[in-house]
Amino acid sequence: MILSTLCYLERGDEYLMLHRVKKKNDANQDKWIGVGGKFEEGESPEECILRETKEETGLTLTEYRYRGLVTFVSDCWPTEYMHLFTASGWEGTPIPCTEGELAWIKKAELLELPLWEGDKIFLRLLDTDEPFFSLKLRYEGERLVFAALNGKEISYEG
């Protein structure tokens, strides 16, 4: 089991996205995702996202919101519980990321990028300002085969 965080830094109509192109054996290779990572022992979701954002971007979050919990189930990877955040305030100077290339991407263009199918679901939920949610996604390889929002199966493009 993996515990992780993911954050989308929001600047107007853009999100700061990470194009995962630098790590070997990366489950997210060539995909675009937010910033974040795995919990360290004893961390809360908030402590983890603050640390991970600082490590990956050089920025210190000053305004952020816990948006949801995403459960990933896969036939290739351990089950992952990802705590999802958005951020609208930060300070500091951006640094290069060791895990990929950071870029500000317009929200309207996000779905055209190489993304996980399930990410498209929660990005839409973030865009509609959905209240705190629980999303379960089940994959076979890279193919999304099941999605449930707040315990109820939902249809998706897949």
N, C-alpha and C. Protein backbone atom coordinates (compact mmCIF):
# COMPACT_ATOMS: atom_id res chain seq x y z
N MET A 1 0.85 -1.19 0.00
CA MET A 1 0.00 0.00 0.00
C MET A 1 0.89 1.24 0.00
N ILE A 2 0.49 2.23 -0.79
CA ILE A 2 1.22 3.49 -0.89
C ILE A 2 0.31 4.62 -0.42
N LEU A 3 0.85 5.52 0.38
CA LEU A 3 0.16 6.76 0.77
C LEU A 3 0.89 7.91 0.09
N SER A 4 0.15 8.72 -0.64
CA SER A 4 0.78 9.82 -1.39
C SER A 4 -0.11 11.06 -1.39
N THR A 5 0.48 12.15 -1.89
CA THR A 5 -0.24 13.40 -2.07
C THR A 5 -0.02 13.88 -3.50
N LEU A 6 -0.93 14.71 -3.97
CA LEU A 6 -0.80 15.36 -5.27
C LEU A 6 -1.43 16.73 -5.15
N CYS A 7 -0.75 17.74 -5.71
CA CYS A 7 -1.26 19.10 -5.63
C CYS A 7 -1.20 19.77 -6.99
N TYR A 8 -2.25 20.51 -7.30
CA TYR A 8 -2.31 21.33 -8.50
C TYR A 8 -2.25 22.79 -8.07
N LEU A 9 -1.10 23.44 -8.35
CA LEU A 9 -0.97 24.87 -8.08
C LEU A 9 -1.72 25.61 -9.16
N GLU A 10 -2.60 26.52 -8.73
CA GLU A 10 -3.55 27.17 -9.63
C GLU A 10 -3.20 28.66 -9.75
N ARG A 11 -2.98 29.10 -11.00
CA ARG A 11 -2.68 30.51 -11.29
C ARG A 11 -3.65 30.94 -12.38
N GLY A 12 -4.74 31.60 -11.97
CA GLY A 12 -5.76 32.01 -12.94
C GLY A 12 -6.36 30.79 -13.61
N ASP A 13 -6.22 30.72 -14.96
CA ASP A 13 -6.80 29.60 -15.70
C ASP A 13 -5.76 28.53 -16.02
N GLU A 14 -4.68 28.47 -15.20
CA GLU A 14 -3.61 27.51 -15.44
C GLU A 14 -3.31 26.68 -14.19
N TYR A 15 -2.79 25.47 -14.41
CA TYR A 15 -2.24 24.64 -13.34
C TYR A 15 -0.75 24.43 -13.62
N LEU A 16 0.03 24.35 -12.56
CA LEU A 16 1.42 23.96 -12.69
C LEU A 16 1.45 22.44 -12.82
N MET A 17 1.97 21.97 -13.93
CA MET A 17 1.99 20.54 -14.22
C MET A 17 3.42 20.04 -14.33
N LEU A 18 3.60 18.77 -14.01
CA LEU A 18 4.90 18.11 -14.06
C LEU A 18 4.86 17.04 -15.14
N HIS A 19 5.71 17.21 -16.16
CA HIS A 19 5.82 16.20 -17.22
C HIS A 19 6.90 15.22 -16.79
N ARG A 20 6.50 14.00 -16.44
CA ARG A 20 7.40 13.01 -15.82
C ARG A 20 8.28 12.37 -16.89
N VAL A 21 9.48 12.92 -17.06
CA VAL A 21 10.38 12.44 -18.11
C VAL A 21 11.78 12.14 -17.60
N LYS A 22 12.06 12.25 -16.29
CA LYS A 22 13.43 12.13 -15.81
C LYS A 22 13.76 10.90 -14.97
N LYS A 23 12.76 10.24 -14.39
CA LYS A 23 13.03 9.10 -13.51
C LYS A 23 12.97 7.78 -14.25
N LYS A 24 13.85 6.85 -13.90
CA LYS A 24 13.82 5.51 -14.47
C LYS A 24 12.74 4.68 -13.74
N ASN A 25 12.13 3.73 -14.45
CA ASN A 25 11.09 2.85 -13.88
C ASN A 25 9.98 3.64 -13.19
N ASP A 26 9.54 4.70 -13.83
CA ASP A 26 8.51 5.59 -13.28
C ASP A 26 7.14 5.14 -13.77
N ALA A 27 6.23 4.83 -12.85
CA ALA A 27 4.87 4.45 -13.23
C ALA A 27 4.19 5.56 -14.02
N ASN A 28 4.63 6.80 -13.81
CA ASN A 28 4.04 7.96 -14.49
C ASN A 28 4.87 8.43 -15.68
N GLN A 29 5.77 7.60 -16.19
CA GLN A 29 6.65 7.98 -17.30
C GLN A 29 5.87 8.61 -18.45
N ASP A 30 6.32 9.80 -18.88
CA ASP A 30 5.77 10.56 -20.01
C ASP A 30 4.39 11.15 -19.75
N LYS A 31 3.80 10.92 -18.58
CA LYS A 31 2.49 11.50 -18.24
C LYS A 31 2.68 12.89 -17.64
N TRP A 32 1.63 13.68 -17.69
CA TRP A 32 1.57 14.99 -17.03
C TRP A 32 0.75 14.82 -15.75
N ILE A 33 1.29 15.24 -14.62
CA ILE A 33 0.59 15.14 -13.34
C ILE A 33 0.87 16.42 -12.55
N GLY A 34 0.23 16.53 -11.38
CA GLY A 34 0.55 17.62 -10.46
C GLY A 34 1.84 17.29 -9.73
N VAL A 35 2.15 18.07 -8.69
CA VAL A 35 3.35 17.80 -7.89
C VAL A 35 2.94 17.09 -6.60
N GLY A 36 3.84 16.32 -6.06
CA GLY A 36 3.54 15.60 -4.83
C GLY A 36 4.40 14.37 -4.71
N GLY A 37 4.03 13.49 -3.79
CA GLY A 37 4.81 12.28 -3.61
C GLY A 37 4.37 11.49 -2.40
N LYS A 38 5.22 10.57 -2.00
CA LYS A 38 4.89 9.63 -0.94
C LYS A 38 5.12 10.22 0.44
N PHE A 39 4.28 9.78 1.36
CA PHE A 39 4.39 10.17 2.76
C PHE A 39 5.70 9.68 3.36
N GLU A 40 6.26 10.45 4.27
CA GLU A 40 7.32 9.99 5.14
C GLU A 40 6.67 9.59 6.46
N GLU A 41 7.36 8.76 7.24
CA GLU A 41 6.82 8.26 8.51
C GLU A 41 6.30 9.41 9.38
N GLY A 42 5.06 9.28 9.85
CA GLY A 42 4.49 10.24 10.79
C GLY A 42 3.92 11.50 10.18
N GLU A 43 4.00 11.67 8.84
CA GLU A 43 3.49 12.89 8.22
C GLU A 43 1.98 12.86 8.07
N SER A 44 1.36 14.02 8.20
CA SER A 44 -0.04 14.20 7.83
C SER A 44 -0.09 14.50 6.33
N PRO A 45 -1.27 14.41 5.71
CA PRO A 45 -1.36 14.79 4.29
C PRO A 45 -0.86 16.22 4.04
N GLU A 46 -1.18 17.13 4.95
CA GLU A 46 -0.77 18.53 4.78
C GLU A 46 0.74 18.68 4.87
N GLU A 47 1.36 18.00 5.84
CA GLU A 47 2.82 18.07 5.97
C GLU A 47 3.51 17.48 4.74
N CYS A 48 2.95 16.38 4.23
CA CYS A 48 3.52 15.74 3.05
C CYS A 48 3.45 16.66 1.83
N ILE A 49 2.29 17.28 1.59
CA ILE A 49 2.17 18.11 0.39
C ILE A 49 3.04 19.36 0.50
N LEU A 50 3.17 19.90 1.69
CA LEU A 50 4.06 21.06 1.86
C LEU A 50 5.51 20.67 1.56
N ARG A 51 5.96 19.55 2.09
CA ARG A 51 7.34 19.09 1.87
C ARG A 51 7.57 18.75 0.40
N GLU A 52 6.67 17.96 -0.18
CA GLU A 52 6.84 17.53 -1.56
C GLU A 52 6.82 18.71 -2.54
N THR A 53 5.91 19.66 -2.32
CA THR A 53 5.85 20.82 -3.20
C THR A 53 7.15 21.61 -3.13
N LYS A 54 7.67 21.80 -1.92
CA LYS A 54 8.94 22.52 -1.73
C LYS A 54 10.08 21.78 -2.45
N GLU A 55 10.14 20.45 -2.27
CA GLU A 55 11.22 19.66 -2.89
C GLU A 55 11.15 19.69 -4.41
N GLU A 56 9.94 19.63 -4.98
CA GLU A 56 9.81 19.52 -6.43
C GLU A 56 9.78 20.85 -7.15
N THR A 57 9.37 21.92 -6.45
CA THR A 57 9.21 23.21 -7.13
C THR A 57 10.04 24.33 -6.52
N GLY A 58 10.48 24.18 -5.26
CA GLY A 58 11.14 25.28 -4.56
C GLY A 58 10.17 26.24 -3.92
N LEU A 59 8.87 26.02 -4.09
CA LEU A 59 7.85 26.94 -3.60
C LEU A 59 7.27 26.44 -2.26
N THR A 60 6.94 27.39 -1.40
CA THR A 60 6.29 27.10 -0.12
C THR A 60 4.82 27.49 -0.23
N LEU A 61 3.94 26.52 -0.06
CA LEU A 61 2.50 26.79 -0.17
C LEU A 61 2.05 27.65 1.01
N THR A 62 1.25 28.68 0.71
CA THR A 62 0.68 29.54 1.75
C THR A 62 -0.85 29.46 1.78
N GLU A 63 -1.46 29.06 0.68
CA GLU A 63 -2.92 28.88 0.58
C GLU A 63 -3.15 27.57 -0.18
N TYR A 64 -3.76 26.59 0.50
CA TYR A 64 -4.03 25.32 -0.16
C TYR A 64 -5.29 24.71 0.44
N ARG A 65 -5.86 23.77 -0.31
CA ARG A 65 -7.13 23.18 0.08
C ARG A 65 -7.10 21.67 -0.18
N TYR A 66 -7.49 20.90 0.80
CA TYR A 66 -7.59 19.44 0.70
C TYR A 66 -8.89 19.14 -0.03
N ARG A 67 -8.79 18.52 -1.21
CA ARG A 67 -9.95 18.39 -2.08
C ARG A 67 -10.57 17.00 -2.12
N GLY A 68 -9.75 15.96 -1.92
CA GLY A 68 -10.33 14.63 -2.02
C GLY A 68 -9.31 13.54 -1.79
N LEU A 69 -9.84 12.31 -1.74
CA LEU A 69 -9.02 11.11 -1.59
C LEU A 69 -9.27 10.25 -2.82
N VAL A 70 -8.18 9.87 -3.50
CA VAL A 70 -8.29 9.03 -4.69
C VAL A 70 -7.63 7.69 -4.38
N THR A 71 -8.40 6.60 -4.56
CA THR A 71 -7.90 5.25 -4.34
C THR A 71 -7.61 4.63 -5.70
N PHE A 72 -6.33 4.29 -5.92
CA PHE A 72 -5.92 3.63 -7.16
C PHE A 72 -5.72 2.15 -6.89
N VAL A 73 -6.39 1.31 -7.67
CA VAL A 73 -6.22 -0.14 -7.60
C VAL A 73 -5.73 -0.58 -8.98
N SER A 74 -4.70 -1.43 -9.00
CA SER A 74 -4.08 -1.80 -10.27
C SER A 74 -3.65 -3.26 -10.23
N ASP A 75 -3.60 -3.85 -11.41
CA ASP A 75 -3.06 -5.21 -11.50
C ASP A 75 -1.54 -5.19 -11.66
N CYS A 76 -0.94 -3.99 -11.72
CA CYS A 76 0.51 -3.86 -11.91
C CYS A 76 1.22 -3.23 -10.72
N TRP A 77 0.53 -2.43 -9.94
CA TRP A 77 1.14 -1.64 -8.88
C TRP A 77 0.38 -1.85 -7.57
N PRO A 78 1.03 -1.58 -6.43
CA PRO A 78 0.31 -1.68 -5.15
C PRO A 78 -0.83 -0.66 -5.10
N THR A 79 -1.84 -0.95 -4.29
CA THR A 79 -2.93 0.01 -4.08
C THR A 79 -2.35 1.31 -3.51
N GLU A 80 -2.85 2.42 -4.02
CA GLU A 80 -2.36 3.74 -3.59
C GLU A 80 -3.53 4.60 -3.14
N TYR A 81 -3.35 5.25 -2.00
CA TYR A 81 -4.32 6.22 -1.49
C TYR A 81 -3.69 7.59 -1.63
N MET A 82 -4.22 8.39 -2.57
CA MET A 82 -3.64 9.68 -2.90
C MET A 82 -4.53 10.81 -2.36
N HIS A 83 -3.94 11.66 -1.56
CA HIS A 83 -4.62 12.82 -0.99
C HIS A 83 -4.43 13.98 -1.95
N LEU A 84 -5.53 14.50 -2.46
CA LEU A 84 -5.52 15.48 -3.54
C LEU A 84 -5.74 16.90 -3.01
N PHE A 85 -4.89 17.82 -3.44
CA PHE A 85 -4.95 19.22 -3.02
C PHE A 85 -4.93 20.15 -4.23
N THR A 86 -5.45 21.36 -4.03
CA THR A 86 -5.17 22.48 -4.93
C THR A 86 -4.56 23.59 -4.08
N ALA A 87 -3.79 24.44 -4.72
CA ALA A 87 -3.15 25.55 -4.02
C ALA A 87 -3.32 26.82 -4.84
N SER A 88 -3.60 27.92 -4.13
CA SER A 88 -3.77 29.21 -4.81
C SER A 88 -2.78 30.26 -4.30
N GLY A 89 -1.94 29.89 -3.33
CA GLY A 89 -0.95 30.84 -2.82
C GLY A 89 0.35 30.13 -2.48
N TRP A 90 1.46 30.78 -2.79
CA TRP A 90 2.78 30.24 -2.48
C TRP A 90 3.78 31.38 -2.52
N GLU A 91 4.96 31.09 -2.00
CA GLU A 91 6.05 32.05 -2.05
C GLU A 91 7.34 31.30 -2.32
N GLY A 92 8.34 32.04 -2.77
CA GLY A 92 9.63 31.43 -3.05
C GLY A 92 9.99 31.55 -4.52
N THR A 93 11.13 30.98 -4.86
CA THR A 93 11.66 31.01 -6.22
C THR A 93 11.63 29.60 -6.79
N PRO A 94 11.02 29.44 -7.96
CA PRO A 94 10.95 28.10 -8.55
C PRO A 94 12.35 27.54 -8.82
N ILE A 95 12.47 26.21 -8.66
CA ILE A 95 13.71 25.50 -8.97
C ILE A 95 13.41 24.42 -10.01
N PRO A 96 14.44 23.95 -10.72
CA PRO A 96 14.22 22.83 -11.64
C PRO A 96 13.84 21.57 -10.84
N CYS A 97 12.98 20.76 -11.42
CA CYS A 97 12.53 19.54 -10.76
C CYS A 97 13.35 18.35 -11.23
N THR A 98 13.76 17.50 -10.30
CA THR A 98 14.57 16.33 -10.66
C THR A 98 13.73 15.21 -11.26
N GLU A 99 12.41 15.31 -11.20
CA GLU A 99 11.54 14.22 -11.67
C GLU A 99 10.92 14.48 -13.04
N GLY A 100 11.07 15.71 -13.55
CA GLY A 100 10.48 16.03 -14.84
C GLY A 100 10.53 17.52 -15.09
N GLU A 101 9.79 17.95 -16.10
CA GLU A 101 9.76 19.36 -16.49
C GLU A 101 8.46 20.00 -15.99
N LEU A 102 8.60 21.12 -15.27
CA LEU A 102 7.44 21.86 -14.78
C LEU A 102 6.99 22.86 -15.84
N ALA A 103 5.67 23.01 -16.01
CA ALA A 103 5.14 23.98 -16.96
C ALA A 103 3.74 24.41 -16.53
N TRP A 104 3.44 25.70 -16.75
CA TRP A 104 2.09 26.19 -16.52
C TRP A 104 1.26 25.85 -17.75
N ILE A 105 0.17 25.11 -17.55
CA ILE A 105 -0.69 24.65 -18.63
C ILE A 105 -2.10 25.18 -18.42
N LYS A 106 -2.68 25.74 -19.49
CA LYS A 106 -4.06 26.23 -19.41
C LYS A 106 -5.00 25.05 -19.12
N LYS A 107 -5.94 25.27 -18.20
CA LYS A 107 -6.88 24.21 -17.83
C LYS A 107 -7.64 23.68 -19.04
N ALA A 108 -7.97 24.58 -19.96
CA ALA A 108 -8.73 24.18 -21.15
C ALA A 108 -7.93 23.25 -22.05
N GLU A 109 -6.61 23.21 -21.90
CA GLU A 109 -5.75 22.37 -22.75
C GLU A 109 -5.29 21.08 -22.04
N LEU A 110 -5.61 20.95 -20.74
CA LEU A 110 -5.11 19.82 -19.96
C LEU A 110 -5.48 18.46 -20.54
N LEU A 111 -6.74 18.32 -20.94
CA LEU A 111 -7.23 17.00 -21.36
C LEU A 111 -6.62 16.54 -22.68
N GLU A 112 -5.89 17.44 -23.38
CA GLU A 112 -5.22 17.08 -24.62
C GLU A 112 -3.85 16.45 -24.35
N LEU A 113 -3.34 16.58 -23.12
CA LEU A 113 -2.02 16.07 -22.76
C LEU A 113 -2.08 14.57 -22.45
N PRO A 114 -0.93 13.89 -22.50
CA PRO A 114 -0.89 12.49 -22.05
C PRO A 114 -1.13 12.42 -20.54
N LEU A 115 -2.35 12.06 -20.15
CA LEU A 115 -2.76 11.95 -18.75
C LEU A 115 -3.30 10.54 -18.52
N TRP A 116 -3.28 10.11 -17.26
CA TRP A 116 -4.03 8.91 -16.88
C TRP A 116 -5.51 9.21 -17.08
N GLU A 117 -6.29 8.22 -17.54
CA GLU A 117 -7.72 8.43 -17.74
C GLU A 117 -8.42 8.89 -16.46
N GLY A 118 -8.05 8.29 -15.32
CA GLY A 118 -8.66 8.68 -14.06
C GLY A 118 -8.34 10.11 -13.65
N ASP A 119 -7.16 10.60 -14.04
CA ASP A 119 -6.80 11.98 -13.73
C ASP A 119 -7.77 12.95 -14.40
N LYS A 120 -8.23 12.59 -15.59
CA LYS A 120 -9.20 13.44 -16.30
C LYS A 120 -10.48 13.58 -15.47
N ILE A 121 -10.87 12.49 -14.78
CA ILE A 121 -12.07 12.54 -13.95
C ILE A 121 -11.87 13.51 -12.79
N PHE A 122 -10.76 13.38 -12.04
CA PHE A 122 -10.63 14.27 -10.89
C PHE A 122 -10.26 15.69 -11.28
N LEU A 123 -9.63 15.89 -12.44
CA LEU A 123 -9.39 17.27 -12.89
C LEU A 123 -10.71 17.97 -13.20
N ARG A 124 -11.67 17.22 -13.77
CA ARG A 124 -13.00 17.80 -14.01
C ARG A 124 -13.70 18.12 -12.69
N LEU A 125 -13.54 17.24 -11.68
CA LEU A 125 -14.13 17.50 -10.37
C LEU A 125 -13.53 18.75 -9.74
N LEU A 126 -12.21 18.92 -9.87
CA LEU A 126 -11.57 20.12 -9.34
C LEU A 126 -12.09 21.36 -10.05
N ASP A 127 -12.27 21.25 -11.37
CA ASP A 127 -12.70 22.39 -12.17
C ASP A 127 -14.13 22.81 -11.83
N THR A 128 -14.97 21.87 -11.39
CA THR A 128 -16.35 22.21 -11.05
C THR A 128 -16.50 22.51 -9.56
N ASP A 129 -15.35 22.56 -8.85
CA ASP A 129 -15.33 22.87 -7.42
C ASP A 129 -16.18 21.90 -6.61
N GLU A 130 -16.12 20.63 -7.00
CA GLU A 130 -16.81 19.56 -6.26
C GLU A 130 -16.40 19.61 -4.79
N PRO A 131 -17.35 19.44 -3.86
CA PRO A 131 -16.97 19.35 -2.44
C PRO A 131 -16.05 18.15 -2.22
N PHE A 132 -15.45 18.04 -1.06
CA PHE A 132 -14.53 16.94 -0.76
C PHE A 132 -15.12 15.63 -1.27
N PHE A 133 -14.30 14.86 -1.99
CA PHE A 133 -14.81 13.65 -2.61
C PHE A 133 -13.86 12.47 -2.42
N SER A 134 -14.43 11.28 -2.59
CA SER A 134 -13.67 10.04 -2.62
C SER A 134 -13.87 9.43 -3.99
N LEU A 135 -12.76 9.18 -4.67
CA LEU A 135 -12.80 8.63 -6.03
C LEU A 135 -11.98 7.34 -6.05
N LYS A 136 -12.58 6.26 -6.50
CA LYS A 136 -11.86 5.00 -6.64
C LYS A 136 -11.68 4.71 -8.13
N LEU A 137 -10.44 4.39 -8.50
CA LEU A 137 -10.11 4.11 -9.89
C LEU A 137 -9.41 2.75 -9.95
N ARG A 138 -9.87 1.88 -10.84
CA ARG A 138 -9.22 0.58 -11.01
C ARG A 138 -8.68 0.47 -12.43
N TYR A 139 -7.40 0.10 -12.50
CA TYR A 139 -6.71 -0.01 -13.78
C TYR A 139 -6.30 -1.45 -14.05
N GLU A 140 -6.31 -1.81 -15.33
CA GLU A 140 -5.65 -3.01 -15.83
C GLU A 140 -4.59 -2.48 -16.78
N GLY A 141 -3.32 -2.62 -16.37
CA GLY A 141 -2.25 -1.96 -17.11
C GLY A 141 -2.49 -0.46 -17.04
N GLU A 142 -2.50 0.20 -18.19
CA GLU A 142 -2.77 1.65 -18.21
C GLU A 142 -4.22 1.95 -18.55
N ARG A 143 -5.06 0.92 -18.63
CA ARG A 143 -6.46 1.11 -19.03
C ARG A 143 -7.36 1.19 -17.80
N LEU A 144 -8.12 2.27 -17.71
CA LEU A 144 -9.08 2.44 -16.63
C LEU A 144 -10.28 1.52 -16.90
N VAL A 145 -10.61 0.66 -15.92
CA VAL A 145 -11.70 -0.31 -16.11
C VAL A 145 -12.87 -0.07 -15.15
N PHE A 146 -12.69 0.80 -14.15
CA PHE A 146 -13.75 1.04 -13.18
C PHE A 146 -13.50 2.38 -12.50
N ALA A 147 -14.56 3.13 -12.27
CA ALA A 147 -14.47 4.39 -11.52
C ALA A 147 -15.71 4.53 -10.65
N ALA A 148 -15.50 4.96 -9.39
CA ALA A 148 -16.61 5.20 -8.47
C ALA A 148 -16.36 6.51 -7.74
N LEU A 149 -17.39 7.35 -7.70
CA LEU A 149 -17.32 8.63 -7.01
C LEU A 149 -18.21 8.55 -5.77
N ASN A 150 -17.61 8.78 -4.61
CA ASN A 150 -18.32 8.71 -3.34
C ASN A 150 -19.11 7.41 -3.19
N GLY A 151 -18.46 6.29 -3.61
CA GLY A 151 -19.04 4.97 -3.43
C GLY A 151 -19.99 4.50 -4.52
N LYS A 152 -20.25 5.35 -5.52
CA LYS A 152 -21.19 4.97 -6.58
C LYS A 152 -20.45 4.93 -7.93
N GLU A 153 -20.62 3.82 -8.63
CA GLU A 153 -19.95 3.68 -9.93
C GLU A 153 -20.39 4.80 -10.87
N ILE A 154 -19.42 5.34 -11.62
CA ILE A 154 -19.71 6.39 -12.59
C ILE A 154 -19.23 5.96 -13.96
N SER A 155 -19.83 6.54 -14.99
CA SER A 155 -19.35 6.28 -16.34
C SER A 155 -18.22 7.26 -16.65
N TYR A 156 -17.39 6.90 -17.56
CA TYR A 156 -16.23 7.71 -17.91
C TYR A 156 -15.91 7.40 -19.36
N GLU A 157 -15.07 8.26 -19.95
CA GLU A 157 -14.63 8.00 -21.31
C GLU A 157 -13.46 7.04 -21.22
N GLY A 158 -13.61 5.84 -21.71
CA GLY A 158 -12.53 4.88 -21.58
C GLY A 158 -12.63 3.75 -22.56
